[in-house]
Amino acid sequence: MIASTIYWNLVMSELKKKLLEHLKEEVYCRLGVSKVHGIGVFALKPIPKGVNPLKSKVKYKDVPISHKELKGIPTSVKKQMKIFCYFDKDEFLVPTIGLNSMDLAVYLNHSKKPNVVFKKNEKLVTLRNIKTGEELFMDYDINFGEKHTF
């Protein structure tokens, strides 16, 4: 019993150390009211150029699902997908973690003067230093290869 308590305390100590490091070094953003469109992503602290400002401890991939495959999905759920999933005329990209989890990237608003971009490896990267309180923007046309109109 004592050995398991000691082991548990060591595990918790290491987990706490990693979480504290994450909070200090990797948490850069919050959601807020955007002057551009509804909700946006804003810097909590200065964000250096070349980092992923939305790095998460949750690991997932997006799964392409065609519009045809969505037959039978309630219209209200499809409406949510149009808000929170990337999609084009052929398919939706649905995260393997489903829609009951949150990915701050879905709240990035569009700008022709972006300060973040998705690289080919699907990692988000800052294009320049971002100031505390500044909203993060991506250019949807560059990131998704289509012309977007609003």
Protein backbone atom coordinates (compact mmCIF):
# COMPACT_ATOMS: atom_id res chain seq x y z
CA MET A 1 0.00 0.00 0.00
CA ILE A 2 2.81 2.42 0.88
CA ALA A 3 4.65 1.60 -2.37
CA SER A 4 1.53 2.33 -4.46
CA THR A 5 1.01 5.64 -2.61
CA ILE A 6 4.63 6.64 -3.25
CA TYR A 7 4.30 5.62 -6.92
CA TRP A 8 1.03 7.59 -7.28
CA ASN A 9 2.63 10.68 -5.69
CA LEU A 10 5.57 10.45 -8.13
CA VAL A 11 3.21 10.11 -11.12
CA MET A 12 1.12 13.05 -9.94
CA SER A 13 4.24 15.12 -9.29
CA GLU A 14 5.50 14.52 -12.84
CA LEU A 15 2.05 15.22 -14.32
CA LYS A 16 1.77 18.44 -12.31
CA LYS A 17 5.25 19.49 -13.48
CA LYS A 18 4.26 18.94 -17.14
CA LEU A 19 0.95 20.79 -16.71
CA LEU A 20 2.66 23.75 -15.05
CA GLU A 21 5.18 23.88 -17.92
CA HIS A 22 2.29 23.74 -20.44
CA LEU A 23 0.46 26.59 -18.67
CA LYS A 24 3.61 28.71 -18.60
CA GLU A 25 5.03 27.97 -22.06
CA GLU A 26 2.23 26.81 -24.37
CA VAL A 27 -1.01 28.59 -23.44
CA TYR A 28 -1.19 31.74 -25.56
CA CYS A 29 -4.82 32.33 -26.49
CA ARG A 30 -8.39 32.82 -25.37
CA LEU A 31 -11.73 33.27 -27.10
CA GLY A 32 -13.33 36.70 -27.16
CA VAL A 33 -15.78 38.92 -28.99
CA SER A 34 -14.35 39.86 -32.38
CA LYS A 35 -14.89 43.23 -34.06
CA VAL A 36 -14.55 41.36 -37.37
CA HIS A 37 -16.98 38.47 -36.92
CA GLY A 38 -18.67 37.01 -33.84
CA ILE A 39 -16.07 35.17 -31.81
CA GLY A 40 -12.33 35.31 -32.39
CA VAL A 41 -9.06 34.04 -30.95
CA PHE A 42 -6.98 36.57 -28.99
CA ALA A 43 -3.47 36.59 -27.54
CA LEU A 44 -3.27 36.30 -23.74
CA LYS A 45 0.40 37.25 -23.84
CA PRO A 46 2.96 38.11 -26.53
CA ILE A 47 3.32 35.30 -29.06
CA PRO A 48 6.68 34.96 -30.84
CA LYS A 49 6.94 34.44 -34.59
CA GLY A 50 7.17 30.79 -35.67
CA VAL A 51 5.32 29.09 -32.81
CA ASN A 52 2.04 27.17 -32.75
CA PRO A 53 -0.14 29.43 -30.58
CA LEU A 54 -2.88 26.79 -30.25
CA LYS A 55 -0.74 23.78 -29.35
CA SER A 56 -2.93 21.33 -27.48
CA LYS A 57 -2.37 18.29 -25.33
CA VAL A 58 -5.31 16.66 -27.17
CA LYS A 59 -4.04 14.72 -30.17
CA TYR A 60 -6.38 14.08 -33.09
CA LYS A 61 -6.64 14.05 -36.86
CA ASP A 62 -9.41 15.24 -39.14
CA VAL A 63 -11.40 12.58 -40.98
CA PRO A 64 -12.81 13.48 -44.41
CA ILE A 65 -16.52 12.66 -44.66
CA SER A 66 -18.36 13.23 -47.93
CA HIS A 67 -21.69 15.02 -48.07
CA LYS A 68 -23.25 11.77 -49.32
CA GLU A 69 -21.99 9.91 -46.23
CA LEU A 70 -23.77 12.43 -44.03
CA LYS A 71 -27.19 11.26 -45.22
CA GLY A 72 -29.26 10.59 -42.12
CA ILE A 73 -27.36 13.07 -39.93
CA PRO A 74 -29.84 15.57 -38.44
CA THR A 75 -29.94 18.96 -40.16
CA SER A 76 -29.19 20.68 -36.85
CA VAL A 77 -25.96 18.65 -36.49
CA LYS A 78 -24.96 19.47 -40.09
CA LYS A 79 -25.50 23.15 -39.26
CA GLN A 80 -23.06 22.80 -36.35
CA MET A 81 -20.60 21.08 -38.65
CA LYS A 82 -20.76 24.04 -41.06
CA ILE A 83 -19.83 26.32 -38.16
CA PHE A 84 -17.16 24.19 -36.48
CA CYS A 85 -15.66 21.95 -39.19
CA TYR A 86 -13.65 22.82 -42.26
CA PHE A 87 -15.49 21.84 -45.42
CA ASP A 88 -15.68 22.34 -49.15
CA LYS A 89 -18.02 21.27 -51.96
CA ASP A 90 -16.92 17.63 -51.61
CA GLU A 91 -16.48 16.89 -47.92
CA PHE A 92 -16.28 17.92 -44.30
CA LEU A 93 -13.18 17.42 -42.16
CA VAL A 94 -14.45 16.08 -38.84
CA PRO A 95 -12.02 15.76 -35.92
CA THR A 96 -11.61 12.27 -34.49
CA ILE A 97 -12.43 13.81 -31.08
CA GLY A 98 -15.92 14.59 -32.39
CA LEU A 99 -17.89 17.79 -31.92
CA ASN A 100 -18.26 17.64 -28.14
CA SER A 101 -14.71 18.96 -27.74
CA MET A 102 -13.26 22.33 -28.58
CA ASP A 103 -10.49 23.31 -30.96
CA LEU A 104 -9.75 27.04 -30.77
CA ALA A 105 -8.63 27.00 -34.42
CA VAL A 106 -12.25 26.87 -35.59
CA TYR A 107 -12.67 30.38 -34.17
CA LEU A 108 -9.87 31.91 -36.24
CA ASN A 109 -11.39 34.63 -38.40
CA HIS A 110 -10.44 35.38 -42.01
CA SER A 111 -8.19 38.24 -43.10
CA LYS A 112 -6.21 39.04 -46.21
CA LYS A 113 -3.50 40.18 -43.74
CA PRO A 114 -3.11 36.97 -41.69
CA ASN A 115 -0.82 36.60 -38.70
CA VAL A 116 -1.08 32.77 -38.60
CA VAL A 117 -1.01 30.07 -41.26
CA PHE A 118 -1.51 26.30 -41.41
CA LYS A 119 1.63 24.63 -42.73
CA LYS A 120 1.52 21.54 -44.93
CA ASN A 121 1.95 19.37 -41.81
CA GLU A 122 -1.35 20.87 -40.53
CA LYS A 123 0.47 22.76 -37.78
CA LEU A 124 -0.57 26.32 -37.11
CA VAL A 125 2.33 28.79 -37.02
CA THR A 126 2.54 32.51 -36.30
CA LEU A 127 3.82 34.57 -39.24
CA ARG A 128 5.09 37.39 -37.02
CA ASN A 129 5.21 38.43 -33.38
CA ILE A 130 1.70 38.96 -31.99
CA LYS A 131 0.95 41.41 -29.19
CA THR A 132 -1.13 40.72 -26.08
CA GLY A 133 -4.82 41.29 -26.85
CA GLU A 134 -4.35 41.10 -30.63
CA GLU A 135 -6.77 38.91 -32.60
CA LEU A 136 -5.30 36.03 -34.60
CA PHE A 137 -6.32 35.76 -38.26
CA MET A 138 -5.75 33.33 -41.08
CA ASP A 139 -6.36 33.74 -44.79
CA TYR A 140 -8.95 31.07 -45.58
CA ASP A 141 -8.12 31.24 -49.30
CA ILE A 142 -4.45 30.36 -48.68
CA ASN A 143 -5.19 27.72 -46.04
CA PHE A 144 -8.03 25.95 -47.80
CA GLY A 145 -7.28 26.60 -51.47
CA GLU A 146 -10.63 28.16 -52.32
CA LYS A 147 -11.97 31.68 -52.69
CA HIS A 148 -14.12 32.64 -49.70
CA THR A 149 -16.64 35.43 -49.79
CA PHE A 150 -18.40 36.85 -46.79
